[in-house]
Amino acid sequence: SLPRLSPAAIMLLLLGMTPLSSQASVFSSRDA
């Protein structure tokens, strides 16, 4: 059977699937 994912695991999966371009804008704006 498929595993049950904890909320933290789901957040990590969503982070990994976030488009790189959007992540870049977040980090660059934070640096700015």
PDB file of all heavy atoms in Angstrom:
ATOM      1  N   SER A   1       0.841  -1.197   0.000  1.00  0.00           N
ATOM      2  CA  SER A   1       0.000   0.000   0.000  1.00  0.00           C
ATOM      3  C   SER A   1       0.871   1.239   0.000  1.00  0.00           C
ATOM      4  O   SER A   1       2.017   1.211   0.439  1.00  0.00           O
ATOM      5  CB  SER A   1      -0.908   0.011   1.233  1.00  0.00           C
ATOM      6  OG  SER A   1      -0.135   0.007   2.410  1.00  0.00           O
ATOM      7  N   LEU A   2       0.301   2.332  -0.483  1.00  0.00           N
ATOM      8  CA  LEU A   2       1.028   3.595  -0.500  1.00  0.00           C
ATOM      9  C   LEU A   2       1.176   4.139   0.909  1.00  0.00           C
ATOM     10  O   LEU A   2       0.302   3.961   1.745  1.00  0.00           O
ATOM     11  CB  LEU A   2       0.280   4.610  -1.365  1.00  0.00           C
ATOM     12  CG  LEU A   2       0.249   4.308  -2.872  1.00  0.00           C
ATOM     13  CD1 LEU A   2      -0.610   5.356  -3.578  1.00  0.00           C
ATOM     14  CD2 LEU A   2       1.640   4.265  -3.457  1.00  0.00           C
ATOM     15  N   PRO A   3       2.273   4.830   1.194  1.00  0.00           N
ATOM     16  CA  PRO A   3       2.478   5.350   2.543  1.00  0.00           C
ATOM     17  C   PRO A   3       1.606   6.558   2.818  1.00  0.00           C
ATOM     18  O   PRO A   3       1.170   7.250   1.897  1.00  0.00           O
ATOM     19  CB  PRO A   3       3.959   5.734   2.524  1.00  0.00           C
ATOM     20  CG  PRO A   3       4.219   6.109   1.101  1.00  0.00           C
ATOM     21  CD  PRO A   3       3.375   5.174   0.282  1.00  0.00           C
ATOM     22  N   ARG A   4       1.359   6.756   4.079  1.00  0.00           N
ATOM     23  CA  ARG A   4       0.663   7.974   4.484  1.00  0.00           C
ATOM     24  C   ARG A   4       1.683   9.071   4.723  1.00  0.00           C
ATOM     25  O   ARG A   4       2.584   8.916   5.540  1.00  0.00           O
ATOM     26  CB  ARG A   4      -0.133   7.733   5.769  1.00  0.00           C
ATOM     27  CG  ARG A   4      -1.315   6.782   5.584  1.00  0.00           C
ATOM     28  CD  ARG A   4      -2.093   6.676   6.876  1.00  0.00           C
ATOM     29  NE  ARG A   4      -3.249   5.802   6.716  1.00  0.00           N
ATOM     30  CZ  ARG A   4      -4.104   5.520   7.692  1.00  0.00           C
ATOM     31  NH1 ARG A   4      -3.920   6.060   8.918  1.00  0.00           N
ATOM     32  NH2 ARG A   4      -5.134   4.717   7.472  1.00  0.00           N
ATOM     33  N   LEU A   5       1.542  10.165   4.027  1.00  0.00           N
ATOM     34  CA  LEU A   5       2.505  11.255   4.136  1.00  0.00           C
ATOM     35  C   LEU A   5       2.098  12.193   5.261  1.00  0.00           C
ATOM     36  O   LEU A   5       0.932  12.577   5.378  1.00  0.00           O
ATOM     37  CB  LEU A   5       2.582  12.036   2.821  1.00  0.00           C
ATOM     38  CG  LEU A   5       3.085  11.238   1.606  1.00  0.00           C
ATOM     39  CD1 LEU A   5       3.125  12.145   0.394  1.00  0.00           C
ATOM     40  CD2 LEU A   5       4.449  10.634   1.870  1.00  0.00           C
ATOM     41  N   SER A   6       3.061  12.561   6.067  1.00  0.00           N
ATOM     42  CA  SER A   6       2.830  13.537   7.123  1.00  0.00           C
ATOM     43  C   SER A   6       2.700  14.931   6.507  1.00  0.00           C
ATOM     44  O   SER A   6       3.124  15.163   5.376  1.00  0.00           O
ATOM     45  CB  SER A   6       3.995  13.523   8.113  1.00  0.00           C
ATOM     46  OG  SER A   6       5.172  13.972   7.474  1.00  0.00           O
ATOM     47  N   PRO A   7       2.115  15.893   7.222  1.00  0.00           N
ATOM     48  CA  PRO A   7       2.030  17.269   6.684  1.00  0.00           C
ATOM     49  C   PRO A   7       3.395  17.833   6.302  1.00  0.00           C
ATOM     50  O   PRO A   7       3.515  18.534   5.304  1.00  0.00           O
ATOM     51  CB  PRO A   7       1.390  18.043   7.850  1.00  0.00           C
ATOM     52  CG  PRO A   7       0.614  17.018   8.608  1.00  0.00           C
ATOM     53  CD  PRO A   7       1.400  15.749   8.502  1.00  0.00           C
ATOM     54  N   ALA A   8       4.419  17.526   7.110  1.00  0.00           N
ATOM     55  CA  ALA A   8       5.762  18.039   6.787  1.00  0.00           C
ATOM     56  C   ALA A   8       6.252  17.458   5.479  1.00  0.00           C
ATOM     57  O   ALA A   8       6.862  18.152   4.650  1.00  0.00           O
ATOM     58  CB  ALA A   8       6.724  17.696   7.923  1.00  0.00           C
ATOM     59  N   ALA A   9       5.981  16.150   5.249  1.00  0.00           N
ATOM     60  CA  ALA A   9       6.423  15.526   4.006  1.00  0.00           C
ATOM     61  C   ALA A   9       5.697  16.122   2.810  1.00  0.00           C
ATOM     62  O   ALA A   9       6.285  16.327   1.741  1.00  0.00           O
ATOM     63  CB  ALA A   9       6.189  14.015   4.087  1.00  0.00           C
ATOM     64  N   ILE A  10       4.403  16.420   2.989  1.00  0.00           N
ATOM     65  CA  ILE A  10       3.646  17.038   1.894  1.00  0.00           C
ATOM     66  C   ILE A  10       4.207  18.414   1.564  1.00  0.00           C
ATOM     67  O   ILE A  10       4.353  18.791   0.387  1.00  0.00           O
ATOM     68  CB  ILE A  10       2.155  17.138   2.279  1.00  0.00           C
ATOM     69  CG1 ILE A  10       1.557  15.723   2.412  1.00  0.00           C
ATOM     70  CG2 ILE A  10       1.388  17.944   1.242  1.00  0.00           C
ATOM     71  CD1 ILE A  10       0.129  15.718   2.921  1.00  0.00           C
ATOM     72  N   MET A  11       4.581  19.195   2.589  1.00  0.00           N
ATOM     73  CA  MET A  11       5.155  20.520   2.351  1.00  0.00           C
ATOM     74  C   MET A  11       6.467  20.416   1.598  1.00  0.00           C
ATOM     75  O   MET A  11       6.752  21.200   0.687  1.00  0.00           O
ATOM     76  CB  MET A  11       5.351  21.251   3.687  1.00  0.00           C
ATOM     77  CG  MET A  11       4.049  21.651   4.363  1.00  0.00           C
ATOM     78  SD  MET A  11       4.315  22.510   5.936  1.00  0.00           S
ATOM     79  CE  MET A  11       5.154  23.955   5.336  1.00  0.00           C
ATOM     80  N   LEU A  12       7.304  19.435   1.984  1.00  0.00           N
ATOM     81  CA  LEU A  12       8.575  19.253   1.288  1.00  0.00           C
ATOM     82  C   LEU A  12       8.347  18.873  -0.169  1.00  0.00           C
ATOM     83  O   LEU A  12       9.066  19.320  -1.068  1.00  0.00           O
ATOM     84  CB  LEU A  12       9.416  18.187   2.002  1.00  0.00           C
ATOM     85  CG  LEU A  12      10.021  18.584   3.340  1.00  0.00           C
ATOM     86  CD1 LEU A  12      10.713  17.389   3.986  1.00  0.00           C
ATOM     87  CD2 LEU A  12      11.015  19.725   3.161  1.00  0.00           C
ATOM     88  N   LEU A  13       7.348  18.009  -0.422  1.00  0.00           N
ATOM     89  CA  LEU A  13       7.050  17.612  -1.795  1.00  0.00           C
ATOM     90  C   LEU A  13       6.591  18.803  -2.624  1.00  0.00           C
ATOM     91  O   LEU A  13       7.008  18.999  -3.762  1.00  0.00           O
ATOM     92  CB  LEU A  13       5.979  16.521  -1.797  1.00  0.00           C
ATOM     93  CG  LEU A  13       5.560  15.986  -3.184  1.00  0.00           C
ATOM     94  CD1 LEU A  13       6.772  15.405  -3.894  1.00  0.00           C
ATOM     95  CD2 LEU A  13       4.461  14.961  -3.050  1.00  0.00           C
ATOM     96  N   LEU A  14       5.723  19.634  -2.031  1.00  0.00           N
ATOM     97  CA  LEU A  14       5.269  20.830  -2.739  1.00  0.00           C
ATOM     98  C   LEU A  14       6.411  21.790  -3.012  1.00  0.00           C
ATOM     99  O   LEU A  14       6.473  22.415  -4.071  1.00  0.00           O
ATOM    100  CB  LEU A  14       4.167  21.532  -1.926  1.00  0.00           C
ATOM    101  CG  LEU A  14       2.847  20.760  -1.790  1.00  0.00           C
ATOM    102  CD1 LEU A  14       1.891  21.520  -0.878  1.00  0.00           C
ATOM    103  CD2 LEU A  14       2.212  20.536  -3.155  1.00  0.00           C
ATOM    104  N   LEU A  15       7.336  21.900  -2.033  1.00  0.00           N
ATOM    105  CA  LEU A  15       8.497  22.763  -2.238  1.00  0.00           C
ATOM    106  C   LEU A  15       9.337  22.254  -3.386  1.00  0.00           C
ATOM    107  O   LEU A  15       9.827  23.021  -4.221  1.00  0.00           O
ATOM    108  CB  LEU A  15       9.338  22.823  -0.952  1.00  0.00           C
ATOM    109  CG  LEU A  15      10.648  23.619  -1.040  1.00  0.00           C
ATOM    110  CD1 LEU A  15      10.353  25.089  -1.368  1.00  0.00           C
ATOM    111  CD2 LEU A  15      11.422  23.511   0.260  1.00  0.00           C
ATOM    112  N   GLY A  16       9.525  20.930  -3.434  1.00  0.00           N
ATOM    113  CA  GLY A  16      10.336  20.363  -4.507  1.00  0.00           C
ATOM    114  C   GLY A  16       9.691  20.535  -5.855  1.00  0.00           C
ATOM    115  O   GLY A  16      10.379  20.613  -6.873  1.00  0.00           O
ATOM    116  N   MET A  17       8.338  20.553  -5.900  1.00  0.00           N
ATOM    117  CA  MET A  17       7.637  20.683  -7.170  1.00  0.00           C
ATOM    118  C   MET A  17       7.375  22.126  -7.556  1.00  0.00           C
ATOM    119  O   MET A  17       6.834  22.396  -8.620  1.00  0.00           O
ATOM    120  CB  MET A  17       6.307  19.924  -7.086  1.00  0.00           C
ATOM    121  CG  MET A  17       6.472  18.432  -6.841  1.00  0.00           C
ATOM    122  SD  MET A  17       4.907  17.562  -6.656  1.00  0.00           S
ATOM    123  CE  MET A  17       4.202  17.783  -8.291  1.00  0.00           C
ATOM    124  N   THR A  18       7.756  23.078  -6.689  1.00  0.00           N
ATOM    125  CA  THR A  18       7.564  24.496  -7.014  1.00  0.00           C
ATOM    126  C   THR A  18       8.434  24.869  -8.196  1.00  0.00           C
ATOM    127  O   THR A  18       9.610  24.513  -8.249  1.00  0.00           O
ATOM    128  CB  THR A  18       7.949  25.379  -5.812  1.00  0.00           C
ATOM    129  OG1 THR A  18       7.158  24.984  -4.705  1.00  0.00           O
ATOM    130  CG2 THR A  18       7.712  26.851  -6.129  1.00  0.00           C
ATOM    131  N   PRO A  19       7.908  25.588  -9.179  1.00  0.00           N
ATOM    132  CA  PRO A  19       8.732  25.988 -10.330  1.00  0.00           C
ATOM    133  C   PRO A  19       9.962  26.755  -9.879  1.00  0.00           C
ATOM    134  O   PRO A  19       9.897  27.596  -8.995  1.00  0.00           O
ATOM    135  CB  PRO A  19       7.767  26.877 -11.143  1.00  0.00           C
ATOM    136  CG  PRO A  19       6.401  26.443 -10.729  1.00  0.00           C
ATOM    137  CD  PRO A  19       6.511  26.021  -9.294  1.00  0.00           C
ATOM    138  N   LEU A  20      11.074  26.471 -10.545  1.00  0.00           N
ATOM    139  CA  LEU A  20      12.336  27.096 -10.144  1.00  0.00           C
ATOM    140  C   LEU A  20      12.304  28.589 -10.344  1.00  0.00           C
ATOM    141  O   LEU A  20      12.912  29.339  -9.595  1.00  0.00           O
ATOM    142  CB  LEU A  20      13.481  26.477 -10.965  1.00  0.00           C
ATOM    143  CG  LEU A  20      13.717  24.985 -10.718  1.00  0.00           C
ATOM    144  CD1 LEU A  20      14.833  24.485 -11.625  1.00  0.00           C
ATOM    145  CD2 LEU A  20      14.066  24.727  -9.267  1.00  0.00           C
ATOM    146  N   SER A  21      11.601  29.040 -11.359  1.00  0.00           N
ATOM    147  CA  SER A  21      11.562  30.485 -11.608  1.00  0.00           C
ATOM    148  C   SER A  21      10.902  31.226 -10.466  1.00  0.00           C
ATOM    149  O   SER A  21      11.337  32.307 -10.069  1.00  0.00           O
ATOM    150  CB  SER A  21      10.822  30.762 -12.920  1.00  0.00           C
ATOM    151  OG  SER A  21       9.491  30.241 -12.837  1.00  0.00           O
ATOM    152  N   SER A  22       9.818  30.635  -9.904  1.00  0.00           N
ATOM    153  CA  SER A  22       9.148  31.301  -8.784  1.00  0.00           C
ATOM    154  C   SER A  22      10.015  31.294  -7.554  1.00  0.00           C
ATOM    155  O   SER A  22      10.041  32.244  -6.786  1.00  0.00           O
ATOM    156  CB  SER A  22       7.812  30.618  -8.494  1.00  0.00           C
ATOM    157  OG  SER A  22       8.019  29.281  -8.061  1.00  0.00           O
ATOM    158  N   GLN A  23      10.763  30.174  -7.328  1.00  0.00           N
ATOM    159  CA  GLN A  23      11.679  30.134  -6.188  1.00  0.00           C
ATOM    160  C   GLN A  23      12.759  31.182  -6.334  1.00  0.00           C
ATOM    161  O   GLN A  23      13.163  31.833  -5.381  1.00  0.00           O
ATOM    162  CB  GLN A  23      12.306  28.749  -6.070  1.00  0.00           C
ATOM    163  CG  GLN A  23      11.323  27.677  -5.642  1.00  0.00           C
ATOM    164  CD  GLN A  23      12.041  26.399  -5.313  1.00  0.00           C
ATOM    165  OE1 GLN A  23      13.174  26.425  -4.861  1.00  0.00           O
ATOM    166  NE2 GLN A  23      11.381  25.294  -5.544  1.00  0.00           N
ATOM    167  N   ALA A  24      13.250  31.351  -7.556  1.00  0.00           N
ATOM    168  CA  ALA A  24      14.315  32.338  -7.779  1.00  0.00           C
ATOM    169  C   ALA A  24      13.836  33.728  -7.436  1.00  0.00           C
ATOM    170  O   ALA A  24      14.545  34.516  -6.822  1.00  0.00           O
ATOM    171  CB  ALA A  24      14.772  32.274  -9.242  1.00  0.00           C
ATOM    172  N   SER A  25      12.591  34.048  -7.814  1.00  0.00           N
ATOM    173  CA  SER A  25      12.079  35.384  -7.522  1.00  0.00           C
ATOM    174  C   SER A  25      11.932  35.602  -6.035  1.00  0.00           C
ATOM    175  O   SER A  25      12.181  36.686  -5.524  1.00  0.00           O
ATOM    176  CB  SER A  25      10.725  35.579  -8.225  1.00  0.00           C
ATOM    177  OG  SER A  25       9.762  34.662  -7.710  1.00  0.00           O
ATOM    178  N   VAL A  26      11.526  34.541  -5.297  1.00  0.00           N
ATOM    179  CA  VAL A  26      11.383  34.669  -3.844  1.00  0.00           C
ATOM    180  C   VAL A  26      12.722  34.959  -3.201  1.00  0.00           C
ATOM    181  O   VAL A  26      12.876  35.871  -2.392  1.00  0.00           O
ATOM    182  CB  VAL A  26      10.766  33.388  -3.247  1.00  0.00           C
ATOM    183  CG1 VAL A  26      10.839  33.433  -1.723  1.00  0.00           C
ATOM    184  CG2 VAL A  26       9.315  33.254  -3.701  1.00  0.00           C
ATOM    185  N   PHE A  27      13.748  34.165  -3.581  1.00  0.00           N
ATOM    186  CA  PHE A  27      15.060  34.344  -2.956  1.00  0.00           C
ATOM    187  C   PHE A  27      15.671  35.674  -3.356  1.00  0.00           C
ATOM    188  O   PHE A  27      16.281  36.361  -2.532  1.00  0.00           O
ATOM    189  CB  PHE A  27      15.991  33.195  -3.357  1.00  0.00           C
ATOM    190  CG  PHE A  27      15.774  31.945  -2.560  1.00  0.00           C
ATOM    191  CD1 PHE A  27      14.951  30.938  -3.027  1.00  0.00           C
ATOM    192  CD2 PHE A  27      16.384  31.768  -1.336  1.00  0.00           C
ATOM    193  CE1 PHE A  27      14.738  29.784  -2.294  1.00  0.00           C
ATOM    194  CE2 PHE A  27      16.186  30.625  -0.590  1.00  0.00           C
ATOM    195  CZ  PHE A  27      15.355  29.626  -1.070  1.00  0.00           C
ATOM    196  N   SER A  28      15.552  36.067  -4.625  1.00  0.00           N
ATOM    197  CA  SER A  28      16.161  37.323  -5.054  1.00  0.00           C
ATOM    198  C   SER A  28      15.496  38.513  -4.396  1.00  0.00           C
ATOM    199  O   SER A  28      16.146  39.475  -4.006  1.00  0.00           O
ATOM    200  CB  SER A  28      16.087  37.438  -6.582  1.00  0.00           C
ATOM    201  OG  SER A  28      14.740  37.443  -7.014  1.00  0.00           O
ATOM    202  N   SER A  29      14.138  38.454  -4.253  1.00  0.00           N
ATOM    203  CA  SER A  29      13.456  39.564  -3.590  1.00  0.00           C
ATOM    204  C   SER A  29      13.837  39.645  -2.129  1.00  0.00           C
ATOM    205  O   SER A  29      13.993  40.712  -1.561  1.00  0.00           O
ATOM    206  CB  SER A  29      11.938  39.396  -3.733  1.00  0.00           C
ATOM    207  OG  SER A  29      11.506  38.216  -3.071  1.00  0.00           O
ATOM    208  N   ARG A  30      14.034  38.459  -1.516  1.00  0.00           N
ATOM    209  CA  ARG A  30      14.429  38.437  -0.112  1.00  0.00           C
ATOM    210  C   ARG A  30      15.815  39.051   0.051  1.00  0.00           C
ATOM    211  O   ARG A  30      16.077  39.828   0.963  1.00  0.00           O
ATOM    212  CB  ARG A  30      14.410  36.989   0.383  1.00  0.00           C
ATOM    213  CG  ARG A  30      14.340  36.850   1.888  1.00  0.00           C
ATOM    214  CD  ARG A  30      14.161  35.392   2.269  1.00  0.00           C
ATOM    215  NE  ARG A  30      12.796  34.932   2.087  1.00  0.00           N
ATOM    216  CZ  ARG A  30      12.425  33.677   2.224  1.00  0.00           C
ATOM    217  NH1 ARG A  30      13.321  32.753   2.529  1.00  0.00           N
ATOM    218  NH2 ARG A  30      11.161  33.322   2.082  1.00  0.00           N
ATOM    219  N   ASP A  31      16.751  38.713  -0.874  1.00  0.00           N
ATOM    220  CA  ASP A  31      18.100  39.291  -0.824  1.00  0.00           C
ATOM    221  C   ASP A  31      18.053  40.794  -1.043  1.00  0.00           C
ATOM    222  O   ASP A  31      18.757  41.559  -0.386  1.00  0.00           O
ATOM    223  CB  ASP A  31      18.996  38.642  -1.897  1.00  0.00           C
ATOM    224  CG  ASP A  31      19.295  37.188  -1.570  1.00  0.00           C
ATOM    225  OD1 ASP A  31      19.117  36.817  -0.388  1.00  0.00           O
ATOM    226  OD2 ASP A  31      19.695  36.451  -2.480  1.00  0.00           O
ATOM    227  N   ALA A  32      17.188  41.216  -2.001  1.00  0.00           N
ATOM    228  CA  ALA A  32      17.111  42.649  -2.292  1.00  0.00           C
ATOM    229  C   ALA A  32      16.616  43.432  -1.088  1.00  0.00           C
ATOM    230  O   ALA A  32      17.132  44.500  -0.764  1.00  0.00           O
ATOM    231  CB  ALA A  32      16.194  42.879  -3.502  1.00  0.00           C
TER     232      ALA A  32
END
